[in-house]
Amino acid sequence: MTELRAYACLRMIRVSAFKLNSVAKPIRKKPIHEALRILKGMKRRIAHDVQKAVLSAMANAENNLGMDVDRLKIIEASVGPSLVLKRMDIKGRSRLGRIRKPFSQIRIVVEEIPENS
């Protein structure tokens, strides 16, 4: 029997991949309701966007694949970099410095836990 997995991708998030990974790390391998509780209690600005991605993956699992929402578990929460906006900043003595504004993306994969586990 093949295991069904639903996923949701959130791209072009205006935060560095390092900061986004610090929000995604606590929810890996957790049941979906516990992950939502963890994200709701976080003080990071980006936690709200990660919560939207988790809710989207949960809705995809329920509507597209007919999975039971109460038995969903986050299998994967992978974070990666996206594009980087480069801006110039004038420094002292007419020199230029570079300002990097990174974007990143997250992919949430959920799977239904077997009932006897």
PDB file of N, CA and C in Angstrom:
ATOM      1  N   MET A   1       0.843  -1.186   0.000  1.00  0.00           N
ATOM      2  CA  MET A   1       0.000   0.000   0.000  1.00  0.00           C
ATOM      3  C   MET A   1       0.882   1.240   0.000  1.00  0.00           C
ATOM      4  N   THR A   2       0.586   2.154  -0.892  1.00  0.00           N
ATOM      5  CA  THR A   2       1.368   3.388  -0.936  1.00  0.00           C
ATOM      6  C   THR A   2       0.835   4.366   0.095  1.00  0.00           C
ATOM      7  N   GLU A   3       1.753   5.112   0.662  1.00  0.00           N
ATOM      8  CA  GLU A   3       1.370   6.096   1.664  1.00  0.00           C
ATOM      9  C   GLU A   3       1.014   7.402   0.967  1.00  0.00           C
ATOM     10  N   LEU A   4      -0.146   7.926   1.316  1.00  0.00           N
ATOM     11  CA  LEU A   4      -0.574   9.190   0.740  1.00  0.00           C
ATOM     12  C   LEU A   4       0.004  10.334   1.560  1.00  0.00           C
ATOM     13  N   ARG A   5       0.504  11.329   0.855  1.00  0.00           N
ATOM     14  CA  ARG A   5       1.061  12.499   1.518  1.00  0.00           C
ATOM     15  C   ARG A   5       0.515  13.744   0.845  1.00  0.00           C
ATOM     16  N   ALA A   6       0.147  14.701   1.655  1.00  0.00           N
ATOM     17  CA  ALA A   6      -0.305  15.992   1.140  1.00  0.00           C
ATOM     18  C   ALA A   6       0.747  17.027   1.520  1.00  0.00           C
ATOM     19  N   TYR A   7       0.851  18.067   0.717  1.00  0.00           N
ATOM     20  CA  TYR A   7       1.847  19.082   1.020  1.00  0.00           C
ATOM     21  C   TYR A   7       1.337  20.465   0.644  1.00  0.00           C
ATOM     22  N   ALA A   8       2.019  21.454   1.174  1.00  0.00           N
ATOM     23  CA  ALA A   8       1.749  22.851   0.849  1.00  0.00           C
ATOM     24  C   ALA A   8       3.079  23.575   0.799  1.00  0.00           C
ATOM     25  N   CYS A   9       3.251  24.422  -0.205  1.00  0.00           N
ATOM     26  CA  CYS A   9       4.471  25.213  -0.359  1.00  0.00           C
ATOM     27  C   CYS A   9       4.126  26.685  -0.181  1.00  0.00           C
ATOM     28  N   LEU A  10       4.960  27.369   0.522  1.00  0.00           N
ATOM     29  CA  LEU A  10       4.822  28.807   0.682  1.00  0.00           C
ATOM     30  C   LEU A  10       6.125  29.416   0.194  1.00  0.00           C
ATOM     31  N   ARG A  11       6.038  30.213  -0.859  1.00  0.00           N
ATOM     32  CA  ARG A  11       7.235  30.757  -1.487  1.00  0.00           C
ATOM     33  C   ARG A  11       7.293  32.263  -1.306  1.00  0.00           C
ATOM     34  N   MET A  12       8.476  32.802  -1.537  1.00  0.00           N
ATOM     35  CA  MET A  12       8.723  34.240  -1.488  1.00  0.00           C
ATOM     36  C   MET A  12       8.344  34.846  -0.135  1.00  0.00           C
ATOM     37  N   ILE A  13       8.818  34.217   0.938  1.00  0.00           N
ATOM     38  CA  ILE A  13       8.621  34.734   2.284  1.00  0.00           C
ATOM     39  C   ILE A  13       9.774  35.681   2.587  1.00  0.00           C
ATOM     40  N   ARG A  14       9.475  36.873   3.016  1.00  0.00           N
ATOM     41  CA  ARG A  14      10.500  37.893   3.196  1.00  0.00           C
ATOM     42  C   ARG A  14      11.205  37.741   4.550  1.00  0.00           C
ATOM     43  N   VAL A  15      11.986  36.685   4.650  1.00  0.00           N
ATOM     44  CA  VAL A  15      12.803  36.417   5.830  1.00  0.00           C
ATOM     45  C   VAL A  15      13.922  35.481   5.382  1.00  0.00           C
ATOM     46  N   SER A  16      15.012  35.471   6.110  1.00  0.00           N
ATOM     47  CA  SER A  16      16.116  34.591   5.731  1.00  0.00           C
ATOM     48  C   SER A  16      15.756  33.136   6.039  1.00  0.00           C
ATOM     49  N   ALA A  17      16.390  32.233   5.330  1.00  0.00           N
ATOM     50  CA  ALA A  17      16.121  30.808   5.527  1.00  0.00           C
ATOM     51  C   ALA A  17      16.556  30.360   6.921  1.00  0.00           C
ATOM     52  N   PHE A  18      17.595  30.978   7.461  1.00  0.00           N
ATOM     53  CA  PHE A  18      18.067  30.635   8.800  1.00  0.00           C
ATOM     54  C   PHE A  18      16.999  30.940   9.850  1.00  0.00           C
ATOM     55  N   LYS A  19      16.367  32.111   9.753  1.00  0.00           N
ATOM     56  CA  LYS A  19      15.321  32.481  10.711  1.00  0.00           C
ATOM     57  C   LYS A  19      14.063  31.633  10.512  1.00  0.00           C
ATOM     58  N   LEU A  20      13.742  31.335   9.266  1.00  0.00           N
ATOM     59  CA  LEU A  20      12.568  30.508   8.994  1.00  0.00           C
ATOM     60  C   LEU A  20      12.775  29.088   9.511  1.00  0.00           C
ATOM     61  N   ASN A  21      13.986  28.588   9.419  1.00  0.00           N
ATOM     62  CA  ASN A  21      14.285  27.248   9.914  1.00  0.00           C
ATOM     63  C   ASN A  21      14.159  27.165  11.430  1.00  0.00           C
ATOM     64  N   SER A  22      14.446  28.269  12.132  1.00  0.00           N
ATOM     65  CA  SER A  22      14.302  28.255  13.590  1.00  0.00           C
ATOM     66  C   SER A  22      12.835  28.139  14.002  1.00  0.00           C
ATOM     67  N   VAL A  23      11.908  28.532  13.131  1.00  0.00           N
ATOM     68  CA  VAL A  23      10.483  28.365  13.407  1.00  0.00           C
ATOM     69  C   VAL A  23      10.006  26.982  12.962  1.00  0.00           C
ATOM     70  N   ALA A  24      10.588  26.460  11.885  1.00  0.00           N
ATOM     71  CA  ALA A  24      10.144  25.166  11.355  1.00  0.00           C
ATOM     72  C   ALA A  24      10.688  23.989  12.157  1.00  0.00           C
ATOM     73  N   LYS A  25      11.830  24.163  12.802  1.00  0.00           N
ATOM     74  CA  LYS A  25      12.458  23.044  13.510  1.00  0.00           C
ATOM     75  C   LYS A  25      11.596  22.456  14.625  1.00  0.00           C
ATOM     76  N   PRO A  26      10.930  23.255  15.472  1.00  0.00           N
ATOM     77  CA  PRO A  26      10.134  22.647  16.554  1.00  0.00           C
ATOM     78  C   PRO A  26       8.898  21.882  16.099  1.00  0.00           C
ATOM     79  N   ILE A  27       8.434  22.087  14.874  1.00  0.00           N
ATOM     80  CA  ILE A  27       7.198  21.410  14.454  1.00  0.00           C
ATOM     81  C   ILE A  27       7.448  20.160  13.628  1.00  0.00           C
ATOM     82  N   ARG A  28       8.707  19.850  13.324  1.00  0.00           N
ATOM     83  CA  ARG A  28       8.989  18.646  12.542  1.00  0.00           C
ATOM     84  C   ARG A  28       8.653  17.392  13.336  1.00  0.00           C
ATOM     85  N   LYS A  29       8.071  16.405  12.662  1.00  0.00           N
ATOM     86  CA  LYS A  29       7.717  15.100  13.245  1.00  0.00           C
ATOM     87  C   LYS A  29       6.690  15.212  14.370  1.00  0.00           C
ATOM     88  N   LYS A  30       5.859  16.251  14.338  1.00  0.00           N
ATOM     89  CA  LYS A  30       4.841  16.439  15.373  1.00  0.00           C
ATOM     90  C   LYS A  30       3.453  16.232  14.770  1.00  0.00           C
ATOM     91  N   PRO A  31       2.477  15.802  15.591  1.00  0.00           N
ATOM     92  CA  PRO A  31       1.089  15.789  15.117  1.00  0.00           C
ATOM     93  C   PRO A  31       0.648  17.210  14.767  1.00  0.00           C
ATOM     94  N   ILE A  32      -0.282  17.328  13.860  1.00  0.00           N
ATOM     95  CA  ILE A  32      -0.588  18.641  13.297  1.00  0.00           C
ATOM     96  C   ILE A  32      -1.223  19.587  14.311  1.00  0.00           C
ATOM     97  N   HIS A  33      -2.032  19.064  15.228  1.00  0.00           N
ATOM     98  CA  HIS A  33      -2.657  19.942  16.222  1.00  0.00           C
ATOM     99  C   HIS A  33      -1.629  20.447  17.229  1.00  0.00           C
ATOM    100  N   GLU A  34      -0.653  19.627  17.563  1.00  0.00           N
ATOM    101  CA  GLU A  34       0.417  20.075  18.454  1.00  0.00           C
ATOM    102  C   GLU A  34       1.306  21.109  17.769  1.00  0.00           C
ATOM    103  N   ALA A  35       1.548  20.924  16.470  1.00  0.00           N
ATOM    104  CA  ALA A  35       2.351  21.894  15.719  1.00  0.00           C
ATOM    105  C   ALA A  35       1.654  23.248  15.659  1.00  0.00           C
ATOM    106  N   LEU A  36       0.340  23.244  15.457  1.00  0.00           N
ATOM    107  CA  LEU A  36      -0.401  24.504  15.436  1.00  0.00           C
ATOM    108  C   LEU A  36      -0.367  25.186  16.798  1.00  0.00           C
ATOM    109  N   ARG A  37      -0.414  24.404  17.863  1.00  0.00           N
ATOM    110  CA  ARG A  37      -0.336  24.975  19.208  1.00  0.00           C
ATOM    111  C   ARG A  37       1.029  25.601  19.446  1.00  0.00           C
ATOM    112  N   ILE A  38       2.087  24.930  18.986  1.00  0.00           N
ATOM    113  CA  ILE A  38       3.449  25.456  19.137  1.00  0.00           C
ATOM    114  C   ILE A  38       3.607  26.758  18.364  1.00  0.00           C
ATOM    115  N   LEU A  39       3.101  26.787  17.132  1.00  0.00           N
ATOM    116  CA  LEU A  39       3.230  27.987  16.305  1.00  0.00           C
ATOM    117  C   LEU A  39       2.429  29.156  16.862  1.00  0.00           C
ATOM    118  N   LYS A  40       1.281  28.866  17.458  1.00  0.00           N
ATOM    119  CA  LYS A  40       0.465  29.939  18.024  1.00  0.00           C
ATOM    120  C   LYS A  40       1.154  30.590  19.221  1.00  0.00           C
ATOM    121  N   GLY A  41       1.954  29.828  19.948  1.00  0.00           N
ATOM    122  CA  GLY A  41       2.640  30.367  21.114  1.00  0.00           C
ATOM    123  C   GLY A  41       3.960  31.049  20.808  1.00  0.00           C
ATOM    124  N   MET A  42       4.432  30.973  19.561  1.00  0.00           N
ATOM    125  CA  MET A  42       5.712  31.589  19.212  1.00  0.00           C
ATOM    126  C   MET A  42       5.577  33.097  19.074  1.00  0.00           C
ATOM    127  N   LYS A  43       6.647  33.791  19.426  1.00  0.00           N
ATOM    128  CA  LYS A  43       6.664  35.244  19.337  1.00  0.00           C
ATOM    129  C   LYS A  43       7.248  35.750  18.024  1.00  0.00           C
ATOM    130  N   ARG A  44       7.749  34.864  17.171  1.00  0.00           N
ATOM    131  CA  ARG A  44       8.385  35.284  15.921  1.00  0.00           C
ATOM    132  C   ARG A  44       7.331  35.779  14.930  1.00  0.00           C
ATOM    133  N   ARG A  45       7.676  36.792  14.153  1.00  0.00           N
ATOM    134  CA  ARG A  45       6.763  37.355  13.159  1.00  0.00           C
ATOM    135  C   ARG A  45       6.412  36.324  12.090  1.00  0.00           C
ATOM    136  N   ILE A  46       7.355  35.500  11.729  1.00  0.00           N
ATOM    137  CA  ILE A  46       7.184  34.576  10.622  1.00  0.00           C
ATOM    138  C   ILE A  46       6.345  33.354  11.008  1.00  0.00           C
ATOM    139  N   ALA A  47       6.103  33.153  12.301  1.00  0.00           N
ATOM    140  CA  ALA A  47       5.333  31.993  12.759  1.00  0.00           C
ATOM    141  C   ALA A  47       3.918  32.003  12.194  1.00  0.00           C
ATOM    142  N   HIS A  48       3.362  33.189  11.965  1.00  0.00           N
ATOM    143  CA  HIS A  48       2.014  33.280  11.405  1.00  0.00           C
ATOM    144  C   HIS A  48       1.986  32.735   9.974  1.00  0.00           C
ATOM    145  N   ASP A  49       3.007  33.023   9.183  1.00  0.00           N
ATOM    146  CA  ASP A  49       3.060  32.514   7.809  1.00  0.00           C
ATOM    147  C   ASP A  49       3.263  30.999   7.783  1.00  0.00           C
ATOM    148  N   VAL A  50       4.069  30.478   8.690  1.00  0.00           N
ATOM    149  CA  VAL A  50       4.268  29.027   8.768  1.00  0.00           C
ATOM    150  C   VAL A  50       2.965  28.350   9.195  1.00  0.00           C
ATOM    151  N   GLN A  51       2.229  29.007  10.086  1.00  0.00           N
ATOM    152  CA  GLN A  51       0.944  28.468  10.512  1.00  0.00           C
ATOM    153  C   GLN A  51      -0.029  28.404   9.335  1.00  0.00           C
ATOM    154  N   LYS A  52      -0.005  29.403   8.456  1.00  0.00           N
ATOM    155  CA  LYS A  52      -0.852  29.375   7.269  1.00  0.00           C
ATOM    156  C   LYS A  52      -0.472  28.218   6.349  1.00  0.00           C
ATOM    157  N   ALA A  53       0.821  27.929   6.233  1.00  0.00           N
ATOM    158  CA  ALA A  53       1.260  26.815   5.395  1.00  0.00           C
ATOM    159  C   ALA A  53       0.807  25.479   5.988  1.00  0.00           C
ATOM    160  N   VAL A  54       0.863  25.335   7.299  1.00  0.00           N
ATOM    161  CA  VAL A  54       0.419  24.096   7.954  1.00  0.00           C
ATOM    162  C   VAL A  54      -1.090  23.914   7.767  1.00  0.00           C
ATOM    163  N   LEU A  55      -1.842  24.998   7.922  1.00  0.00           N
ATOM    164  CA  LEU A  55      -3.286  24.914   7.720  1.00  0.00           C
ATOM    165  C   LEU A  55      -3.631  24.588   6.264  1.00  0.00           C
ATOM    166  N   SER A  56      -2.835  25.099   5.331  1.00  0.00           N
ATOM    167  CA  SER A  56      -3.054  24.791   3.924  1.00  0.00           C
ATOM    168  C   SER A  56      -2.770  23.321   3.622  1.00  0.00           C
ATOM    169  N   ALA A  57      -1.709  22.781   4.205  1.00  0.00           N
ATOM    170  CA  ALA A  57      -1.409  21.364   4.022  1.00  0.00           C
ATOM    171  C   ALA A  57      -2.504  20.490   4.633  1.00  0.00           C
ATOM    172  N   MET A  58      -3.036  20.918   5.770  1.00  0.00           N
ATOM    173  CA  MET A  58      -4.106  20.181   6.421  1.00  0.00           C
ATOM    174  C   MET A  58      -5.371  20.207   5.551  1.00  0.00           C
ATOM    175  N   ALA A  59      -5.692  21.347   4.960  1.00  0.00           N
ATOM    176  CA  ALA A  59      -6.864  21.454   4.092  1.00  0.00           C
ATOM    177  C   ALA A  59      -6.676  20.637   2.819  1.00  0.00           C
ATOM    178  N   ASN A  60      -5.462  20.623   2.276  1.00  0.00           N
ATOM    179  CA  ASN A  60      -5.194  19.813   1.088  1.00  0.00           C
ATOM    180  C   ASN A  60      -5.374  18.326   1.383  1.00  0.00           C
ATOM    181  N   ALA A  61      -4.925  17.900   2.558  1.00  0.00           N
ATOM    182  CA  ALA A  61      -5.055  16.489   2.931  1.00  0.00           C
ATOM    183  C   ALA A  61      -6.517  16.098   3.091  1.00  0.00           C
ATOM    184  N   GLU A  62      -7.294  16.989   3.673  1.00  0.00           N
ATOM    185  CA  GLU A  62      -8.700  16.679   3.930  1.00  0.00           C
ATOM    186  C   GLU A  62      -9.529  16.729   2.645  1.00  0.00           C
ATOM    187  N   ASN A  63      -9.360  17.781   1.857  1.00  0.00           N
ATOM    188  CA  ASN A  63     -10.234  17.973   0.692  1.00  0.00           C
ATOM    189  C   ASN A  63      -9.794  17.176  -0.527  1.00  0.00           C
ATOM    190  N   ASN A  64      -8.486  17.080  -0.774  1.00  0.00           N
ATOM    191  CA  ASN A  64      -8.024  16.430  -1.992  1.00  0.00           C
ATOM    192  C   ASN A  64      -7.828  14.927  -1.837  1.00  0.00           C
ATOM    193  N   LEU A  65      -7.388  14.493  -0.651  1.00  0.00           N
ATOM    194  CA  LEU A  65      -7.065  13.082  -0.463  1.00  0.00           C
ATOM    195  C   LEU A  65      -7.996  12.368   0.516  1.00  0.00           C
ATOM    196  N   GLY A  66      -8.896  13.100   1.156  1.00  0.00           N
ATOM    197  CA  GLY A  66      -9.859  12.488   2.067  1.00  0.00           C
ATOM    198  C   GLY A  66      -9.252  11.936   3.338  1.00  0.00           C
ATOM    199  N   MET A  67      -8.185  12.536   3.818  1.00  0.00           N
ATOM    200  CA  MET A  67      -7.539  12.059   5.055  1.00  0.00           C
ATOM    201  C   MET A  67      -8.288  12.580   6.281  1.00  0.00           C
ATOM    202  N   ASP A  68      -8.109  11.872   7.397  1.00  0.00           N
ATOM    203  CA  ASP A  68      -8.683  12.288   8.667  1.00  0.00           C
ATOM    204  C   ASP A  68      -7.772  13.339   9.293  1.00  0.00           C
ATOM    205  N   VAL A  69      -8.309  14.507   9.587  1.00  0.00           N
ATOM    206  CA  VAL A  69      -7.515  15.632  10.088  1.00  0.00           C
ATOM    207  C   VAL A  69      -6.932  15.339  11.471  1.00  0.00           C
ATOM    208  N   ASP A  70      -7.653  14.570  12.279  1.00  0.00           N
ATOM    209  CA  ASP A  70      -7.195  14.311  13.647  1.00  0.00           C
ATOM    210  C   ASP A  70      -5.993  13.372  13.696  1.00  0.00           C
ATOM    211  N   ARG A  71      -5.714  12.657  12.605  1.00  0.00           N
ATOM    212  CA  ARG A  71      -4.594  11.716  12.604  1.00  0.00           C
ATOM    213  C   ARG A  71      -3.432  12.167  11.726  1.00  0.00           C
ATOM    214  N   LEU A  72      -3.388  13.437  11.372  1.00  0.00           N
ATOM    215  CA  LEU A  72      -2.309  13.932  10.514  1.00  0.00           C
ATOM    216  C   LEU A  72      -1.063  14.249  11.330  1.00  0.00           C
ATOM    217  N   LYS A  73       0.082  14.011  10.698  1.00  0.00           N
ATOM    218  CA  LYS A  73       1.368  14.284  11.324  1.00  0.00           C
ATOM    219  C   LYS A  73       2.264  14.968  10.298  1.00  0.00           C
ATOM    220  N   ILE A  74       3.033  15.943  10.748  1.00  0.00           N
ATOM    221  CA  ILE A  74       3.961  16.634   9.857  1.00  0.00           C
ATOM    222  C   ILE A  74       5.182  15.745   9.673  1.00  0.00           C
ATOM    223  N   ILE A  75       5.407  15.290   8.463  1.00  0.00           N
ATOM    224  CA  ILE A  75       6.534  14.423   8.140  1.00  0.00           C
ATOM    225  C   ILE A  75       7.760  15.252   7.803  1.00  0.00           C
ATOM    226  N   GLU A  76       7.547  16.336   7.081  1.00  0.00           N
ATOM    227  CA  GLU A  76       8.672  17.123   6.586  1.00  0.00           C
ATOM    228  C   GLU A  76       8.306  18.601   6.638  1.00  0.00           C
ATOM    229  N   ALA A  77       9.228  19.417   7.081  1.00  0.00           N
ATOM    230  CA  ALA A  77       9.100  20.880   7.033  1.00  0.00           C
ATOM    231  C   ALA A  77      10.438  21.400   6.521  1.00  0.00           C
ATOM    232  N   SER A  78      10.586  21.415   5.205  1.00  0.00           N
ATOM    233  CA  SER A  78      11.874  21.787   4.628  1.00  0.00           C
ATOM    234  C   SER A  78      11.885  23.264   4.265  1.00  0.00           C
ATOM    235  N   VAL A  79      13.010  23.890   4.525  1.00  0.00           N
ATOM    236  CA  VAL A  79      13.193  25.316   4.306  1.00  0.00           C
ATOM    237  C   VAL A  79      14.343  25.499   3.334  1.00  0.00           C
ATOM    238  N   GLY A  80      14.188  26.440   2.417  1.00  0.00           N
ATOM    239  CA  GLY A  80      15.259  26.722   1.478  1.00  0.00           C
ATOM    240  C   GLY A  80      15.280  28.183   1.089  1.00  0.00           C
ATOM    241  N   PRO A  81      16.408  28.630   0.567  1.00  0.00           N
ATOM    242  CA  PRO A  81      16.490  30.032   0.156  1.00  0.00           C
ATOM    243  C   PRO A  81      15.793  30.258  -1.178  1.00  0.00           C
ATOM    244  N   SER A  82      15.396  31.482  -1.396  1.00  0.00           N
ATOM    245  CA  SER A  82      14.829  31.894  -2.662  1.00  0.00           C
ATOM    246  C   SER A  82      15.692  33.043  -3.180  1.00  0.00           C
ATOM    247  N   LEU A  83      15.103  33.975  -3.872  1.00  0.00           N
ATOM    248  CA  LEU A  83      15.935  35.039  -4.418  1.00  0.00           C
ATOM    249  C   LEU A  83      16.405  36.018  -3.343  1.00  0.00           C
ATOM    250  N   VAL A  84      17.379  36.837  -3.690  1.00  0.00           N
ATOM    251  CA  VAL A  84      17.922  37.843  -2.780  1.00  0.00           C
ATOM    252  C   VAL A  84      17.884  39.194  -3.493  1.00  0.00           C
ATOM    253  N   LEU A  85      17.192  40.144  -2.883  1.00  0.00           N
ATOM    254  CA  LEU A  85      17.212  41.500  -3.422  1.00  0.00           C
ATOM    255  C   LEU A  85      18.507  42.160  -2.968  1.00  0.00           C
ATOM    256  N   LYS A  86      19.192  42.803  -3.900  1.00  0.00           N
ATOM    257  CA  LYS A  86      20.441  43.476  -3.562  1.00  0.00           C
ATOM    258  C   LYS A  86      20.233  44.973  -3.712  1.00  0.00           C
ATOM    259  N   ARG A  87      20.527  45.696  -2.657  1.00  0.00           N
ATOM    260  CA  ARG A  87      20.387  47.137  -2.644  1.00  0.00           C
ATOM    261  C   ARG A  87      21.718  47.761  -2.273  1.00  0.00           C
ATOM    262  N   MET A  88      21.902  49.018  -2.648  1.00  0.00           N
ATOM    263  CA  MET A  88      23.132  49.730  -2.329  1.00  0.00           C
ATOM    264  C   MET A  88      22.883  50.721  -1.199  1.00  0.00           C
ATOM    265  N   ASP A  89      23.873  50.857  -0.344  1.00  0.00           N
ATOM    266  CA  ASP A  89      23.817  51.785   0.773  1.00  0.00           C
ATOM    267  C   ASP A  89      25.085  52.631   0.728  1.00  0.00           C
ATOM    268  N   ILE A  90      24.928  53.928   0.837  1.00  0.00           N
ATOM    269  CA  ILE A  90      26.087  54.807   0.786  1.00  0.00           C
ATOM    270  C   ILE A  90      26.731  54.847   2.167  1.00  0.00           C
ATOM    271  N   LYS A  91      28.023  54.537   2.188  1.00  0.00           N
ATOM    272  CA  LYS A  91      28.792  54.538   3.429  1.00  0.00           C
ATOM    273  C   LYS A  91      29.628  55.819   3.486  1.00  0.00           C
ATOM    274  N   GLY A  92      30.482  55.886   4.457  1.00  0.00           N
ATOM    275  CA  GLY A  92      31.339  57.059   4.596  1.00  0.00           C
ATOM    276  C   GLY A  92      32.351  57.155   3.471  1.00  0.00           C
ATOM    277  N   ARG A  93      32.786  58.335   3.208  1.00  0.00           N
ATOM    278  CA  ARG A  93      33.794  58.634   2.186  1.00  0.00           C
ATOM    279  C   ARG A  93      33.348  58.183   0.796  1.00  0.00           C
ATOM    280  N   SER A  94      32.054  58.316   0.509  1.00  0.00           N
ATOM    281  CA  SER A  94      31.469  58.031  -0.805  1.00  0.00           C
ATOM    282  C   SER A  94      31.664  56.591  -1.264  1.00  0.00           C
ATOM    283  N   ARG A  95      31.671  55.674  -0.338  1.00  0.00           N
ATOM    284  CA  ARG A  95      31.782  54.269  -0.714  1.00  0.00           C
ATOM    285  C   ARG A  95      30.403  53.618  -0.662  1.00  0.00           C
ATOM    286  N   LEU A  96      30.296  52.525  -1.376  1.00  0.00           N
ATOM    287  CA  LEU A  96      29.024  51.807  -1.419  1.00  0.00           C
ATOM    288  C   LEU A  96      29.114  50.528  -0.608  1.00  0.00           C
ATOM    289  N   GLY A  97      28.041  50.230   0.090  1.00  0.00           N
ATOM    290  CA  GLY A  97      27.910  48.957   0.777  1.00  0.00           C
ATOM    291  C   GLY A  97      26.694  48.241   0.217  1.00  0.00           C
ATOM    292  N   ARG A  98      26.701  46.952   0.294  1.00  0.00           N
ATOM    293  CA  ARG A  98      25.596  46.172  -0.245  1.00  0.00           C
ATOM    294  C   ARG A  98      24.668  45.748   0.880  1.00  0.00           C
ATOM    295  N   ILE A  99      23.374  45.924   0.655  1.00  0.00           N
ATOM    296  CA  ILE A  99      22.347  45.436   1.569  1.00  0.00           C
ATOM    297  C   ILE A  99      21.684  44.245   0.888  1.00  0.00           C
ATOM    298  N   ARG A 100      21.643  43.112   1.566  1.00  0.00           N
ATOM    299  CA  ARG A 100      21.023  41.908   1.022  1.00  0.00           C
ATOM    300  C   ARG A 100      19.691  41.689   1.731  1.00  0.00           C
ATOM    301  N   LYS A 101      18.621  41.539   0.958  1.00  0.00           N
ATOM    302  CA  LYS A 101      17.292  41.294   1.514  1.00  0.00           C
ATOM    303  C   LYS A 101      16.846  39.910   1.046  1.00  0.00           C
ATOM    304  N   PRO A 102      17.083  38.886   1.839  1.00  0.00           N
ATOM    305  CA  PRO A 102      16.811  37.516   1.384  1.00  0.00           C
ATOM    306  C   PRO A 102      15.328  37.143   1.480  1.00  0.00           C
ATOM    307  N   PHE A 103      14.918  36.270   0.585  1.00  0.00           N
ATOM    308  CA  PHE A 103      13.604  35.633   0.614  1.00  0.00           C
ATOM    309  C   PHE A 103      13.838  34.134   0.789  1.00  0.00           C
ATOM    310  N   SER A 104      12.825  33.429   1.273  1.00  0.00           N
ATOM    311  CA  SER A 104      12.964  31.988   1.444  1.00  0.00           C
ATOM    312  C   SER A 104      11.625  31.312   1.179  1.00  0.00           C
ATOM    313  N   GLN A 105      11.629  29.985   1.245  1.00  0.00           N
ATOM    314  CA  GLN A 105      10.428  29.197   0.988  1.00  0.00           C
ATOM    315  C   GLN A 105      10.372  28.031   1.960  1.00  0.00           C
ATOM    316  N   ILE A 106       9.159  27.544   2.205  1.00  0.00           N
ATOM    317  CA  ILE A 106       8.967  26.409   3.109  1.00  0.00           C
ATOM    318  C   ILE A 106       7.999  25.435   2.450  1.00  0.00           C
ATOM    319  N   ARG A 107       8.238  24.150   2.705  1.00  0.00           N
ATOM    320  CA  ARG A 107       7.386  23.078   2.181  1.00  0.00           C
ATOM    321  C   ARG A 107       6.989  22.189   3.351  1.00  0.00           C
ATOM    322  N   ILE A 108       5.695  22.074   3.595  1.00  0.00           N
ATOM    323  CA  ILE A 108       5.149  21.262   4.684  1.00  0.00           C
ATOM    324  C   ILE A 108       4.514  20.019   4.076  1.00  0.00           C
ATOM    325  N   VAL A 109       4.947  18.839   4.518  1.00  0.00           N
ATOM    326  CA  VAL A 109       4.391  17.569   4.043  1.00  0.00           C
ATOM    327  C   VAL A 109       3.735  16.866   5.227  1.00  0.00           C
ATOM    328  N   VAL A 110       2.475  16.481   5.053  1.00  0.00           N
ATOM    329  CA  VAL A 110       1.735  15.787   6.121  1.00  0.00           C
ATOM    330  C   VAL A 110       1.353  14.393   5.647  1.00  0.00           C
ATOM    331  N   GLU A 111       1.205  13.508   6.623  1.00  0.00           N
ATOM    332  CA  GLU A 111       0.845  12.113   6.347  1.00  0.00           C
ATOM    333  C   GLU A 111      -0.096  11.641   7.436  1.00  0.00           C
ATOM    334  N   GLU A 112      -0.972  10.727   7.078  1.00  0.00           N
ATOM    335  CA  GLU A 112      -1.917  10.191   8.041  1.00  0.00           C
ATOM    336  C   GLU A 112      -1.262   9.070   8.844  1.00  0.00           C
ATOM    337  N   ILE A 113      -1.372   9.165  10.164  1.00  0.00           N
ATOM    338  CA  ILE A 113      -0.817   8.143  11.047  1.00  0.00           C
ATOM    339  C   ILE A 113      -1.776   6.955  11.070  1.00  0.00           C
ATOM    340  N   PRO A 114      -1.277   5.723  11.021  1.00  0.00           N
ATOM    341  CA  PRO A 114      -2.181   4.566  11.135  1.00  0.00           C
ATOM    342  C   PRO A 114      -2.919   4.583  12.475  1.00  0.00           C
ATOM    343  N   GLU A 115      -4.120   4.040  12.496  1.00  0.00           N
ATOM    344  CA  GLU A 115      -4.968   4.128  13.679  1.00  0.00           C
ATOM    345  C   GLU A 115      -4.424   3.349  14.871  1.00  0.00           C
ATOM    346  N   ASN A 116      -3.687   2.276  14.649  1.00  0.00           N
ATOM    347  CA  ASN A 116      -3.209   1.463  15.773  1.00  0.00           C
ATOM    348  C   ASN A 116      -1.904   1.994  16.382  1.00  0.00           C
ATOM    349  N   SER A 117      -1.329   3.070  15.843  1.00  0.00           N
ATOM    350  CA  SER A 117      -0.075   3.620  16.399  1.00  0.00           C
ATOM    351  C   SER A 117      -0.360   4.586  17.508  1.00  0.00           C
TER     352      SER A 117
END
